[in-house]
N, C-alpha and C. Protein backbone atom coordinates (compact mmCIF):
# COMPACT_ATOMS: atom_id res chain seq x y z
N MET A 1 103.71 39.07 12.55
CA MET A 1 104.92 37.52 13.50
C MET A 1 106.60 38.82 13.02
N ARG A 2 106.57 38.54 11.89
CA ARG A 2 108.06 39.86 11.52
C ARG A 2 108.79 40.65 13.02
N LEU A 3 107.22 41.06 13.14
CA LEU A 3 107.23 42.66 13.59
C LEU A 3 107.66 42.16 15.08
N VAL A 4 106.05 40.74 15.75
CA VAL A 4 107.43 40.40 17.40
C VAL A 4 108.70 40.44 17.27
N LEU A 5 109.09 39.62 16.71
CA LEU A 5 110.24 38.58 16.33
C LEU A 5 111.28 40.24 16.48
N ILE A 6 111.24 40.93 15.58
CA ILE A 6 111.86 42.40 15.56
C ILE A 6 112.17 43.04 16.76
N LEU A 7 110.76 43.41 16.90
CA LEU A 7 110.31 44.07 18.77
C LEU A 7 111.55 43.30 19.50
N THR A 8 110.94 41.91 19.60
CA THR A 8 111.64 41.37 20.59
C THR A 8 113.18 41.18 20.65
N GLY A 9 113.65 41.30 19.70
CA GLY A 9 115.25 41.68 19.59
C GLY A 9 115.48 42.96 20.17
N ALA A 10 115.06 43.40 19.49
CA ALA A 10 115.35 45.22 20.02
C ALA A 10 115.53 45.44 21.02
N ILE A 11 113.92 44.91 21.87
CA ILE A 11 113.81 45.18 23.56
C ILE A 11 114.97 44.14 24.49
N ALA A 12 115.98 42.70 23.93
CA ALA A 12 117.17 42.01 24.73
C ALA A 12 118.34 42.47 24.09
N LEU A 13 118.37 43.40 23.07
CA LEU A 13 119.47 44.58 22.63
C LEU A 13 119.30 45.70 23.00
N ALA A 14 118.35 46.53 24.16
CA ALA A 14 117.74 47.20 25.20
C ALA A 14 118.86 46.60 26.08
N ALA A 15 118.38 46.15 26.35
CA ALA A 15 118.72 45.25 27.94
C ALA A 15 119.63 44.63 28.23
N CYS A 16 120.83 44.16 27.23
CA CYS A 16 121.92 43.81 27.09
C CYS A 16 122.59 45.79 27.36
N ALA A 17 122.34 45.67 26.07
CA ALA A 17 123.55 47.45 26.25
C ALA A 17 123.27 48.84 27.39
N SER A 18 122.40 48.12 28.54
CA SER A 18 121.77 48.88 29.27
C SER A 18 122.42 48.04 31.04
N LYS A 19 123.04 47.01 30.59
CA LYS A 19 123.60 46.26 31.40
C LYS A 19 125.00 46.94 32.08
N SER A 20 125.54 47.55 30.88
CA SER A 20 126.79 48.10 31.74
C SER A 20 126.91 49.43 32.26
N SER A 21 125.85 49.75 32.55
CA SER A 21 125.25 51.77 33.27
C SER A 21 125.17 50.67 34.62
N ASP A 22 124.44 48.96 34.28
CA ASP A 22 123.55 48.42 35.85
C ASP A 22 124.45 47.99 36.36
N ASP A 23 126.07 47.33 35.60
CA ASP A 23 127.43 46.99 36.16
C ASP A 23 128.10 47.90 37.23
N ASP A 24 128.06 49.32 36.70
CA ASP A 24 128.40 50.41 37.28
C ASP A 24 127.50 50.85 38.80
N ALA A 25 126.29 50.80 38.29
CA ALA A 25 125.60 50.96 39.80
C ALA A 25 125.43 50.00 40.89
N ALA A 26 125.53 48.55 39.99
CA ALA A 26 125.64 47.44 40.68
C ALA A 26 126.76 47.42 41.52
N ALA A 27 128.23 47.62 41.12
CA ALA A 27 129.78 48.23 42.41
C ALA A 27 129.73 48.73 43.08
N LYS A 28 128.87 49.88 43.21
CA LYS A 28 128.51 51.02 44.19
C LYS A 28 127.56 50.78 45.10
N ALA A 29 126.80 49.35 44.79
CA ALA A 29 125.66 49.00 45.19
C ALA A 29 125.78 49.25 46.51
N PRO A 30 127.29 48.02 46.70
CA PRO A 30 127.41 47.24 47.98
C PRO A 30 128.13 48.37 49.45
N ALA A 31 128.58 49.37 48.81
CA ALA A 31 128.83 50.47 49.34
C ALA A 31 128.10 50.63 50.02
N GLU A 32 127.80 51.71 49.67
CA GLU A 32 126.28 52.04 49.77
C GLU A 32 125.43 51.40 51.44
N ALA A 33 125.55 49.87 50.46
CA ALA A 33 124.42 49.33 51.43
C ALA A 33 124.65 48.32 52.66
N GLN A 34 126.12 49.13 52.81
CA GLN A 34 127.55 48.92 54.33
C GLN A 34 126.90 49.57 55.12
N ALA A 35 127.14 51.73 54.45
CA ALA A 35 126.61 52.56 54.76
C ALA A 35 125.43 53.04 55.83
N ALA A 36 124.17 52.29 54.59
CA ALA A 36 122.31 53.09 55.11
C ALA A 36 122.01 51.44 56.11
N PRO A 37 121.77 52.25 56.97
CA PRO A 37 120.72 51.14 58.05
C PRO A 37 120.07 49.86 56.87
N ALA A 38 120.08 48.85 57.57
CA ALA A 38 118.61 48.18 57.55
C ALA A 38 117.56 48.60 57.28
N LYS A 39 116.47 48.45 56.43
CA LYS A 39 115.19 48.33 56.17
C LYS A 39 114.63 47.97 57.65
N LYS A 40 113.36 48.51 57.87
CA LYS A 40 112.75 48.08 58.29
C LYS A 40 111.94 47.02 57.73
N THR A 41 111.34 45.94 57.88
CA THR A 41 110.74 44.99 57.01
C THR A 41 109.86 44.20 58.39
N VAL A 42 108.51 43.42 57.81
CA VAL A 42 107.68 43.29 58.63
C VAL A 42 108.11 41.74 59.47
N PHE A 43 108.86 41.00 59.17
CA PHE A 43 109.98 39.91 59.98
C PHE A 43 110.51 40.16 61.01
N ASP A 44 110.91 41.59 61.14
CA ASP A 44 112.08 42.40 61.68
C ASP A 44 111.16 41.86 63.85
N PRO A 45 110.37 41.77 63.62
CA PRO A 45 110.07 41.28 65.00
C PRO A 45 110.17 39.19 64.98
N GLU A 46 110.06 38.79 64.67
CA GLU A 46 109.70 37.27 64.45
C GLU A 46 111.43 37.42 64.20
N LEU A 47 112.29 37.34 63.62
CA LEU A 47 113.88 37.80 63.27
C LEU A 47 114.44 38.53 65.02
N GLN A 48 113.52 38.74 65.55
CA GLN A 48 114.25 39.46 66.43
C GLN A 48 114.30 38.08 67.99
N ALA A 49 112.70 37.80 67.50
CA ALA A 49 112.80 36.83 68.44
C ALA A 49 113.30 35.63 68.34
N LEU A 50 113.20 35.58 67.53
CA LEU A 50 114.13 33.86 66.83
C LEU A 50 115.64 34.60 67.71
N GLN A 51 116.17 35.22 67.26
CA GLN A 51 117.58 35.37 67.95
C GLN A 51 117.43 35.53 68.83
N LYS A 52 116.55 36.26 70.00
CA LYS A 52 116.51 35.74 71.71
C LYS A 52 116.41 34.92 72.24
N ALA A 53 115.68 33.54 70.69
CA ALA A 53 115.52 32.71 71.07
C ALA A 53 116.58 31.02 71.38
N LYS A 54 117.78 32.01 69.96
CA LYS A 54 118.64 31.68 70.05
C LYS A 54 119.74 31.49 71.33
N ASP A 55 119.41 32.99 71.41
CA ASP A 55 120.78 33.70 72.83
C ASP A 55 120.17 33.21 73.92
N VAL A 56 118.69 32.67 73.88
CA VAL A 56 118.99 31.42 75.67
C VAL A 56 119.23 30.79 75.55
N GLN A 57 118.78 29.91 74.19
CA GLN A 57 119.25 28.18 73.96
C GLN A 57 120.64 28.43 74.26
N LYS A 58 121.61 29.37 73.50
CA LYS A 58 122.99 29.71 74.21
C LYS A 58 123.59 29.23 75.43
N ALA A 59 122.81 30.27 76.39
CA ALA A 59 122.60 30.28 77.63
C ALA A 59 122.59 28.96 78.34
N ILE A 60 121.63 28.21 77.85
CA ILE A 60 120.79 27.28 78.18
C ILE A 60 122.41 26.02 78.24
N ASP A 61 122.97 25.83 77.36
CA ASP A 61 123.84 25.27 77.12
C ASP A 61 124.92 25.81 78.33
N VAL A 62 125.72 26.89 77.85
CA VAL A 62 125.75 26.52 79.01
C VAL A 62 126.24 26.20 80.25
N GLY A 63 125.48 26.83 80.47
CA GLY A 63 124.83 26.41 82.20
C GLY A 63 124.37 24.40 82.27
N ASP A 64 124.46 24.20 81.61
CA ASP A 64 124.30 22.72 81.10
C ASP A 64 125.78 22.32 81.12
N ALA A 65 126.83 22.44 79.94
CA ALA A 65 128.04 22.58 80.39
C ALA A 65 128.74 22.55 81.93
N ASN A 66 128.61 23.95 82.48
CA ASN A 66 128.88 24.19 83.53
C ASN A 66 128.29 23.01 84.98
N ASN A 67 127.02 22.39 84.77
CA ASN A 67 126.32 21.89 85.24
C ASN A 67 127.55 20.21 85.29
N ARG A 68 127.40 19.34 83.79
CA ARG A 68 128.11 18.96 83.89
C ARG A 68 129.64 18.52 84.24
N LYS A 69 130.15 19.60 84.15
CA LYS A 69 131.43 19.67 84.80
C LYS A 69 131.56 19.83 85.50
N ALA A 70 130.89 20.50 86.88
CA ALA A 70 130.07 19.97 88.11
C ALA A 70 130.44 18.84 89.02
N ILE A 71 129.02 18.08 87.84
CA ILE A 71 129.19 16.29 88.39
C ILE A 71 130.28 16.12 88.26
N ASP A 72 130.91 16.07 87.12
CA ASP A 72 131.81 15.24 86.48
C ASP A 72 133.35 15.32 88.15
N ASP A 73 133.34 16.35 88.32
CA ASP A 73 134.53 16.87 89.35
C ASP A 73 133.76 16.25 90.50
N ALA A 74 132.34 16.37 90.95
CA ALA A 74 131.51 15.58 92.07
C ALA A 74 132.25 14.75 92.52
N GLU A 75 132.22 13.74 91.04
CA GLU A 75 132.56 11.60 90.89
C GLU A 75 133.96 12.15 91.10
N LYS A 76 134.45 12.33 90.58
CA LYS A 76 136.13 12.05 89.93
C LYS A 76 136.59 12.73 91.59
N ASP A 77 136.13 13.38 92.84
CA ASP A 77 136.40 13.68 94.33
C ASP A 77 135.82 12.29 94.95
N ASP A 78 134.66 11.82 94.74
CA ASP A 78 134.10 10.83 95.44
C ASP A 78 134.55 9.74 95.25
N ASP A 79 135.11 8.82 94.35
CA ASP A 79 136.01 7.90 93.54
C ASP A 79 137.46 7.59 93.80
N GLY A 80 137.88 8.53 93.84
CA GLY A 80 139.25 8.85 94.32
C GLY A 80 139.39 9.01 96.34
N GLY A 81 138.51 9.44 96.91
CA GLY A 81 138.54 9.49 98.34
C GLY A 81 138.51 7.86 99.36
N GLY A 82 138.62 7.27 98.14
CA GLY A 82 137.59 5.30 99.16
C GLY A 82 138.93 4.36 98.94
């Protein structure tokens, strides 16, 4: 039982001691991540489809806003003429 506790303590100390070198590597990682292109994943096609759907929805919203504006303008013209 003592051996397990000693080994657990030693592993915990070793893990904490190696954190300082990991912190240096972690500080360099964001700069490297920005420079490197994103890795391909199995979710890329789904993410592209989702982005395409969002773009289509934006186009529909813009068209809808234009139609509403045209209708409002037409109604104002009809009301003012009488």
